[in-house]
Amino acid sequence: MENHLDEMLRNKNIDKLIVGGLQTDFCVDTTCRQAAALGFDVLLVADAHSTLDHEHLKAEQIVAHHNRIPCKFDSAAGKVRVSEAKNVSFR
């Protein structure tokens, strides 16, 4: 996460992020970890990210693995939690 985005979010009093996207094992994972390290609370939408098959793992396995990782990622200032899209609320 660029410092410019960090500053822009903080100036708007945003402290929670909802994350989804492509390349679960790269962009999505890095965004969640960096945002939490910067003190943001992150909601990773379990069924709103994906990736491609790799040599040793299928995309579905990679996504499932990354949906389990945040539960153990508690060393950052912010927290990462995971929820399905049907349970996401903007309130």
Protein backbone atom coordinates (compact mmCIF):
# COMPACT_ATOMS: atom_id res chain seq x y z
CA MET A 1 0.00 0.00 0.00
CA GLU A 2 1.53 3.30 -1.04
CA ASN A 3 1.93 6.01 1.57
CA HIS A 4 -0.29 8.21 -0.60
CA LEU A 5 -3.19 5.78 -0.28
CA ASP A 6 -2.53 5.35 3.44
CA GLU A 7 -2.62 9.13 3.90
CA MET A 8 -5.73 9.54 1.76
CA LEU A 9 -7.63 6.86 3.72
CA ARG A 10 -6.61 8.31 7.07
CA ASN A 11 -7.60 11.83 5.99
CA LYS A 12 -11.08 10.46 5.27
CA ASN A 13 -11.16 8.69 8.66
CA ILE A 14 -11.25 5.27 6.99
CA ASP A 15 -9.86 2.57 9.24
CA LYS A 16 -11.56 -0.54 7.81
CA LEU A 17 -11.00 -2.06 4.38
CA ILE A 18 -12.92 -4.71 2.44
CA VAL A 19 -10.62 -6.68 0.13
CA GLY A 20 -11.26 -8.92 -2.87
CA GLY A 21 -9.49 -9.33 -6.19
CA LEU A 22 -7.24 -11.47 -8.31
CA GLN A 23 -3.96 -13.19 -7.65
CA THR A 24 -4.85 -14.25 -4.13
CA ASP A 25 -1.32 -15.43 -3.42
CA PHE A 26 0.26 -12.14 -4.46
CA CYS A 27 -1.80 -8.94 -4.59
CA VAL A 28 -4.63 -9.92 -2.27
CA ASP A 29 -2.35 -11.45 0.36
CA THR A 30 0.07 -8.50 0.28
CA THR A 31 -2.74 -5.94 0.48
CA CYS A 32 -4.26 -7.64 3.54
CA ARG A 33 -0.95 -7.98 5.35
CA GLN A 34 0.28 -4.47 4.58
CA ALA A 35 -3.03 -2.86 5.49
CA ALA A 36 -3.08 -4.72 8.82
CA ALA A 37 0.54 -3.77 9.48
CA LEU A 38 -0.47 -0.13 8.95
CA GLY A 39 -3.24 -0.47 11.52
CA PHE A 40 -6.27 -0.98 9.30
CA ASP A 41 -8.87 -3.62 10.10
CA VAL A 42 -9.34 -5.75 7.01
CA LEU A 43 -12.22 -7.92 5.87
CA LEU A 44 -11.10 -10.41 3.23
CA VAL A 45 -14.16 -11.52 1.28
CA ALA A 46 -13.70 -15.29 1.11
CA ASP A 47 -15.59 -15.77 -2.15
CA ALA A 48 -14.40 -12.58 -3.87
CA HIS A 49 -10.78 -13.43 -4.64
CA SER A 50 -9.14 -15.94 -6.93
CA THR A 51 -5.90 -16.95 -8.59
CA LEU A 52 -4.50 -19.33 -11.17
CA ASP A 53 -3.45 -22.93 -10.75
CA HIS A 54 0.20 -23.44 -9.85
CA GLU A 55 2.47 -26.38 -10.46
CA HIS A 56 1.71 -27.98 -7.09
CA LEU A 57 -1.65 -26.50 -6.07
CA LYS A 58 -4.96 -25.79 -7.75
CA ALA A 59 -6.43 -22.29 -7.50
CA GLU A 60 -9.19 -23.52 -5.19
CA GLN A 61 -6.58 -24.89 -2.76
CA ILE A 62 -4.66 -21.62 -2.77
CA VAL A 63 -7.83 -19.60 -2.11
CA ALA A 64 -8.88 -21.94 0.71
CA HIS A 65 -5.43 -21.67 2.27
CA HIS A 66 -5.47 -17.87 2.16
CA ASN A 67 -8.95 -17.82 3.67
CA ARG A 68 -7.48 -19.65 6.69
CA ILE A 69 -4.25 -17.62 7.08
CA PRO A 70 -5.74 -14.35 8.48
CA CYS A 71 -7.11 -16.17 11.50
CA LYS A 72 -3.51 -16.69 12.59
CA PHE A 73 -2.21 -13.25 11.50
CA ASP A 74 -2.40 -11.37 14.78
CA SER A 75 1.02 -9.77 14.99
CA ALA A 76 -0.06 -6.59 13.21
CA ALA A 77 -1.67 -3.44 14.58
CA GLY A 78 -4.81 -4.12 12.55
CA LYS A 79 -6.78 -7.34 12.31
CA VAL A 80 -7.68 -9.42 9.27
CA ARG A 81 -10.85 -11.44 9.28
CA VAL A 82 -12.59 -13.44 6.57
CA SER A 83 -16.26 -13.55 5.62
CA GLU A 84 -18.35 -14.62 2.65
CA ALA A 85 -19.84 -11.87 0.49
CA LYS A 86 -23.40 -12.59 1.65
CA ASN A 87 -22.36 -11.58 5.17
CA VAL A 88 -20.61 -8.33 4.25
CA SER A 89 -22.35 -5.16 5.39
CA PHE A 90 -21.36 -1.58 4.70
CA ARG A 91 -22.95 -0.32 7.92
